Protein backbone atom coordinates (compact mmCIF):
# COMPACT_ATOMS: atom_id res chain seq x y z
CA UNK A 1 -22.53 -104.85 13.53
CA UNK A 2 -21.92 -105.04 9.75
CA UNK A 3 -22.75 -107.97 7.45
CA UNK A 4 -19.06 -108.91 7.28
CA UNK A 5 -18.85 -108.94 11.06
CA UNK A 6 -21.97 -111.10 11.31
CA UNK A 7 -20.60 -113.58 8.77
CA UNK A 8 -17.48 -113.90 10.90
CA UNK A 9 -19.31 -114.37 14.19
CA UNK A 10 -20.47 -117.96 13.66
CA UNK A 11 -17.03 -119.38 12.75
CA UNK A 12 -15.58 -117.59 15.78
CA UNK A 13 -18.30 -119.09 17.99
CA UNK A 14 -17.49 -122.60 16.74
CA UNK A 15 -13.76 -122.07 17.29
CA UNK A 16 -14.37 -120.96 20.87
CA UNK A 17 -16.72 -123.92 21.43
CA UNK A 18 -14.08 -126.38 20.14
CA UNK A 19 -11.45 -124.90 22.44
CA UNK A 20 -13.80 -125.21 25.42
CA UNK A 21 -14.69 -128.79 24.41
CA UNK A 22 -11.04 -129.83 24.66
CA UNK A 23 -10.81 -128.44 28.18
CA UNK A 24 -14.25 -128.86 29.77
CA UNK A 25 -16.14 -131.34 27.61
CA UNK A 26 -18.85 -131.31 24.95
CA UNK A 27 -21.73 -130.43 27.30
CA UNK A 28 -20.10 -127.21 28.50
CA UNK A 29 -19.05 -126.37 24.94
CA UNK A 30 -22.61 -126.74 23.63
CA UNK A 31 -23.95 -124.56 26.45
CA UNK A 32 -21.42 -121.84 25.68
CA UNK A 33 -22.21 -122.00 21.96
CA UNK A 34 -25.96 -121.64 22.57
CA UNK A 35 -25.35 -118.70 24.92
CA UNK A 36 -23.10 -116.90 22.43
CA UNK A 37 -25.51 -117.44 19.55
CA UNK A 38 -28.38 -116.14 21.65
CA UNK A 39 -26.70 -112.98 22.94
CA UNK A 40 -24.63 -112.11 19.87
CA UNK A 41 -26.68 -113.09 16.83
CA UNK A 42 -30.17 -112.58 18.28
CA UNK A 43 -29.12 -109.20 19.69
CA UNK A 44 -27.99 -108.10 16.23
CA UNK A 45 -31.23 -109.35 14.65
CA UNK A 46 -33.25 -107.49 17.29
CA UNK A 47 -31.50 -104.20 16.56
CA UNK A 48 -31.97 -104.74 12.81
CA UNK A 49 -35.67 -105.48 13.26
CA UNK A 50 -36.12 -102.25 15.19
CA UNK A 51 -34.87 -100.20 12.22
CA UNK A 52 -37.28 -101.67 9.63
CA UNK A 53 -40.29 -99.48 10.39
CA UNK A 54 -38.34 -96.18 10.72
CA UNK A 55 -36.58 -96.89 7.42
CA UNK A 56 -39.93 -97.60 5.73
CA UNK A 57 -41.39 -94.36 7.08
CA UNK A 58 -38.36 -92.39 5.92
CA UNK A 59 -38.48 -94.03 2.47
CA UNK A 60 -42.20 -93.29 2.13
CA UNK A 61 -41.62 -89.70 3.21
CA UNK A 62 -38.79 -89.23 0.68
CA UNK A 63 -40.83 -90.84 -2.12
CA UNK A 64 -43.90 -88.70 -1.36
CA UNK A 65 -41.86 -85.48 -1.50
CA UNK A 66 -39.81 -86.50 -4.55
CA UNK A 67 -42.89 -87.55 -6.55
CA UNK A 68 -44.84 -84.46 -5.42
CA UNK A 69 -47.68 -86.46 -3.90
CA UNK A 70 -47.97 -83.73 -1.27
CA UNK A 71 -47.17 -80.03 -1.57
CA UNK A 72 -43.81 -79.06 0.02
CA UNK A 73 -45.53 -76.62 2.35
CA UNK A 74 -47.32 -79.58 3.95
CA UNK A 75 -44.56 -82.19 3.63
CA UNK A 76 -41.02 -80.93 2.93
CA UNK A 77 -38.37 -83.35 1.74
CA UNK A 78 -36.07 -85.03 4.28
CA UNK A 79 -33.04 -83.32 2.75
CA UNK A 80 -34.59 -79.86 3.14
CA UNK A 81 -35.32 -80.67 6.79
CA UNK A 82 -31.67 -81.65 7.31
CA UNK A 83 -30.53 -78.38 5.69
CA UNK A 84 -32.92 -76.39 7.85
CA UNK A 85 -31.60 -78.15 10.95
CA UNK A 86 -28.04 -77.11 10.05
CA UNK A 87 -29.15 -73.51 9.49
CA UNK A 88 -31.08 -73.40 12.79
CA UNK A 89 -28.17 -74.96 14.66
CA UNK A 90 -25.41 -72.68 13.40
CA UNK A 91 -27.24 -69.50 12.40
CA UNK A 92 -30.46 -69.17 14.41
CA UNK A 93 -29.54 -70.17 17.95
CA UNK A 94 -31.34 -73.51 18.14
CA UNK A 95 -29.01 -74.66 20.94
CA UNK A 96 -30.11 -71.74 23.13
CA UNK A 97 -33.78 -72.66 22.80
CA UNK A 98 -33.01 -76.33 23.36
CA UNK A 99 -30.94 -75.51 26.45
CA UNK A 100 -33.79 -73.43 27.91
CA UNK A 101 -36.30 -76.25 27.48
CA UNK A 102 -33.88 -78.96 28.65
CA UNK A 103 -32.95 -77.14 31.87
CA UNK A 104 -36.60 -76.60 32.78
CA UNK A 105 -37.42 -80.24 32.02
CA UNK A 106 -34.54 -81.56 34.13
CA UNK A 107 -35.37 -79.34 37.09
CA UNK A 108 -39.10 -80.07 36.96
CA UNK A 109 -38.55 -83.78 36.47
CA UNK A 110 -36.16 -84.04 39.41
CA UNK A 111 -38.53 -82.14 41.71
CA UNK A 112 -41.55 -84.20 40.70
CA UNK A 113 -39.67 -87.51 40.80
CA UNK A 114 -38.08 -86.91 44.22
CA UNK A 115 -41.33 -85.85 45.87
CA UNK A 116 -43.21 -88.63 44.08
CA UNK A 117 -40.75 -91.24 45.33
CA UNK A 118 -40.85 -89.93 48.90
CA UNK A 119 -44.63 -89.74 49.01
CA UNK A 120 -44.99 -93.12 47.29
CA UNK A 121 -42.62 -94.84 49.71
CA UNK A 122 -44.33 -93.22 52.69
CA UNK A 123 -47.82 -94.16 51.53
CA UNK A 124 -46.68 -97.65 50.53
CA UNK A 125 -45.16 -98.37 53.92
CA UNK A 126 -47.90 -96.76 56.03
CA UNK A 127 -51.65 -96.98 55.51
CA UNK A 128 -52.00 -93.96 57.78
CA UNK A 129 -49.93 -91.85 55.40
CA UNK A 130 -51.94 -93.20 52.45
CA UNK A 131 -55.24 -92.27 54.12
CA UNK A 132 -53.83 -88.84 54.95
CA UNK A 133 -52.53 -88.03 51.47
CA UNK A 134 -54.95 -90.04 49.35
CA UNK A 135 -58.07 -87.81 49.15
CA UNK A 136 -56.15 -84.57 48.52
CA UNK A 137 -53.73 -86.02 45.98
CA UNK A 138 -56.47 -87.90 44.18
CA UNK A 139 -58.46 -84.67 43.82
CA UNK A 140 -55.46 -82.71 42.51
CA UNK A 141 -54.58 -85.53 40.10
CA UNK A 142 -57.88 -85.16 38.24
CA UNK A 143 -57.02 -81.62 37.12
CA UNK A 144 -54.86 -81.58 33.95
CA UNK A 145 -51.47 -79.83 34.27
CA UNK A 146 -52.37 -77.08 31.78
CA UNK A 147 -55.52 -76.27 33.76
CA UNK A 148 -53.24 -75.10 36.58
CA UNK A 149 -51.37 -72.71 34.29
CA UNK A 150 -53.56 -69.60 34.87
CA UNK A 151 -53.31 -69.97 38.64
CA UNK A 152 -49.57 -70.70 38.56
CA UNK A 153 -49.00 -67.68 36.29
CA UNK A 154 -50.98 -65.54 38.74
CA UNK A 155 -48.77 -66.72 41.61
CA UNK A 156 -45.26 -66.86 40.07
CA UNK A 157 -45.54 -65.35 36.60
CA UNK A 158 -44.93 -66.97 33.21
CA UNK A 159 -41.19 -67.61 33.65
CA UNK A 160 -39.23 -70.84 34.08
CA UNK A 161 -40.52 -71.32 37.64
CA UNK A 162 -44.11 -71.65 36.42
CA UNK A 163 -43.12 -74.24 33.81
CA UNK A 164 -41.02 -76.13 36.38
CA UNK A 165 -43.97 -76.28 38.78
CA UNK A 166 -46.24 -77.62 36.03
CA UNK A 167 -43.70 -80.26 35.04
CA UNK A 168 -43.15 -81.27 38.66
CA UNK A 169 -46.91 -81.70 39.14
CA UNK A 170 -47.19 -83.78 35.96
CA UNK A 171 -44.25 -86.03 36.91
CA UNK A 172 -45.23 -86.42 40.57
CA UNK A 173 -48.37 -88.49 40.11
CA UNK A 174 -47.14 -91.32 37.84
CA UNK A 175 -44.04 -91.70 40.03
CA UNK A 176 -46.11 -91.59 43.22
CA UNK A 177 -48.76 -94.06 42.04
CA UNK A 178 -46.30 -96.54 40.55
CA UNK A 179 -44.08 -96.41 43.63
CA UNK A 180 -47.09 -97.00 45.87
CA UNK A 181 -48.31 -99.85 43.67
CA UNK A 182 -44.84 -101.39 43.47
CA UNK A 183 -44.39 -101.43 47.24
CA UNK A 184 -47.86 -102.80 47.86
CA UNK A 185 -47.17 -105.48 45.25
CA UNK A 186 -44.15 -106.90 47.12
CA UNK A 187 -44.72 -110.56 47.89
CA UNK A 188 -45.59 -111.33 51.51
CA UNK A 189 -43.29 -114.33 51.27
CA UNK A 190 -40.30 -112.03 50.82
CA UNK A 191 -41.30 -110.02 53.87
CA UNK A 192 -41.78 -113.16 55.98
CA UNK A 193 -38.35 -114.48 55.03
CA UNK A 194 -36.83 -111.11 55.94
CA UNK A 195 -38.50 -111.25 59.33
CA UNK A 196 -37.13 -114.75 59.89
CA UNK A 197 -33.65 -113.33 59.34
CA UNK A 198 -34.58 -110.54 61.79
CA UNK A 199 -34.16 -107.65 59.34
CA UNK A 200 -34.87 -104.26 60.88
CA UNK A 201 -37.07 -101.73 59.06
CA UNK A 202 -34.21 -100.03 57.21
CA UNK A 203 -32.68 -103.32 56.08
CA UNK A 204 -36.11 -104.64 55.04
CA UNK A 205 -36.69 -101.54 52.96
CA UNK A 206 -33.23 -101.57 51.36
CA UNK A 207 -32.87 -105.31 50.76
CA UNK A 208 -36.42 -106.43 50.04
CA UNK A 209 -39.06 -103.76 49.47
CA UNK A 210 -37.26 -101.29 47.20
CA UNK A 211 -35.61 -103.93 44.94
CA UNK A 212 -38.94 -105.72 44.48
CA UNK A 213 -40.72 -102.43 43.73
CA UNK A 214 -38.08 -101.11 41.27
CA UNK A 215 -39.78 -102.40 38.08
CA UNK A 216 -42.95 -100.48 38.92
CA UNK A 217 -40.96 -97.42 40.03
CA UNK A 218 -39.11 -97.29 36.70
CA UNK A 219 -42.42 -97.46 34.83
CA UNK A 220 -43.44 -94.30 36.65
CA UNK A 221 -40.10 -92.59 35.98
CA UNK A 222 -40.19 -93.39 32.27
CA UNK A 223 -43.77 -92.23 31.95
CA UNK A 224 -42.99 -89.10 33.93
CA UNK A 225 -40.02 -88.29 31.70
CA UNK A 226 -42.28 -88.38 28.65
CA UNK A 227 -44.85 -86.17 30.37
CA UNK A 228 -42.15 -83.67 31.32
CA UNK A 229 -41.29 -82.99 27.69
CA UNK A 230 -44.94 -82.81 26.67
CA UNK A 231 -45.79 -80.30 29.41
CA UNK A 232 -42.83 -77.97 28.79
CA UNK A 233 -43.57 -77.83 25.06
CA UNK A 234 -47.24 -77.07 25.73
CA UNK A 235 -46.37 -74.41 28.32
CA UNK A 236 -43.85 -72.72 26.00
CA UNK A 237 -46.41 -72.74 23.20
CA UNK A 238 -48.83 -70.84 25.42
CA UNK A 239 -46.33 -68.27 26.66
CA UNK A 240 -42.67 -67.31 26.48
CA UNK A 241 -40.10 -66.06 23.99
CA UNK A 242 -37.59 -68.91 24.22
CA UNK A 243 -37.68 -72.70 24.07
CA UNK A 244 -38.68 -75.40 21.61
CA UNK A 245 -42.40 -74.81 22.23
CA UNK A 246 -42.02 -71.15 21.26
CA UNK A 247 -40.18 -72.21 18.09
CA UNK A 248 -43.06 -74.53 17.24
CA UNK A 249 -45.61 -71.72 17.50
CA UNK A 250 -43.43 -69.31 15.53
CA UNK A 251 -42.82 -71.87 12.79
CA UNK A 252 -46.53 -72.61 12.53
CA UNK A 253 -47.47 -68.92 12.33
CA UNK A 254 -44.85 -68.23 9.63
CA UNK A 255 -45.58 -71.48 7.73
CA UNK A 256 -41.98 -72.66 8.19
CA UNK A 257 -42.81 -76.34 7.79
CA UNK A 258 -39.17 -77.44 7.66
CA UNK A 259 -38.56 -75.89 11.08
CA UNK A 260 -41.67 -77.62 12.42
CA UNK A 261 -40.28 -80.97 11.34
CA UNK A 262 -36.86 -80.17 12.80
CA UNK A 263 -38.33 -79.38 16.21
CA UNK A 264 -40.64 -82.40 16.19
CA UNK A 265 -37.72 -84.71 15.33
CA UNK A 266 -35.59 -83.15 18.10
CA UNK A 267 -38.34 -83.61 20.69
CA UNK A 268 -38.93 -87.20 19.63
CA UNK A 269 -35.22 -88.01 19.49
CA UNK A 270 -34.45 -86.54 22.90
CA UNK A 271 -37.46 -88.27 24.46
CA UNK A 272 -36.38 -91.57 22.92
CA UNK A 273 -32.81 -91.13 24.17
CA UNK A 274 -33.99 -90.38 27.72
CA UNK A 275 -36.19 -93.49 27.69
CA UNK A 276 -33.29 -95.62 26.44
CA UNK A 277 -31.06 -94.33 29.26
CA UNK A 278 -33.72 -95.10 31.87
CA UNK A 279 -34.18 -98.58 30.42
CA UNK A 280 -30.43 -99.21 30.55
CA UNK A 281 -30.30 -98.08 34.17
CA UNK A 282 -33.29 -100.28 34.94
CA UNK A 283 -31.66 -103.25 33.22
CA UNK A 284 -28.43 -102.81 35.18
CA UNK A 285 -30.27 -102.53 38.50
CA UNK A 286 -32.56 -105.47 37.75
CA UNK A 287 -30.14 -108.01 36.33
CA UNK A 288 -31.41 -110.49 38.89
CA UNK A 289 -34.99 -110.27 37.62
CA UNK A 290 -35.87 -112.76 34.90
CA UNK A 291 -39.29 -112.30 33.36
CA UNK A 292 -41.17 -113.21 30.20
CA UNK A 293 -39.38 -111.66 27.20
CA UNK A 294 -41.87 -112.50 24.47
């Protein structure tokens, strides 16, 4: 929303409020005006506030490179990074490497998330299942994903399958633990009310347990999505001839600092976009939930 649009919002709000006042009365008009100011103006201010720190970082970066505070080999200028991105995109096959990493991340994330959700729901609904799975999963969880790489490579090689297995393992545990915690955190009052209405097990799960556990489940999904990108980059840095992780290693070995910055920005931007999508999905599914907003 531009400054001109913002300057025109308040008069429009007052015009709408006056029209409502003629029809429904002053109380309803004042309520509508407060709601519109809150969701239109405060939303714009919130988005503007979120850009302050990135703009400051970018300005500091540009100033440091322009004034030669740091050598270009350590800190290239933002414009040179943009030019390098264009060259990598159209001349060096950046899309191919990105596609390789993205496909592995999606596959590994889906596998880890699905199994994590199923195991979390099963353990959350049944203490027997929790006692059965708990000791083994808790032992496996203590081993970092990269520590499994030598064994996974021995079993399935260094190809996409190995990276997908590592990602699935990394995603599984945050999804599993947060799903289990979310289900166990469902209020007993909700369950008692459902029993009064004679809900069967499937209806109880669909209408009460899963909706109440969704906030915790989405925490696990968002955390798992971040881990998925981190693991695939680390795995590609250790082995492989394609992918963003391989480009990172190659750029570091050849001292191509601009390419390093391009890849880092891509990884951060894609991770941020995925998190925003998950938050939007969470917000749409949890419109009924009103919590403390700060």
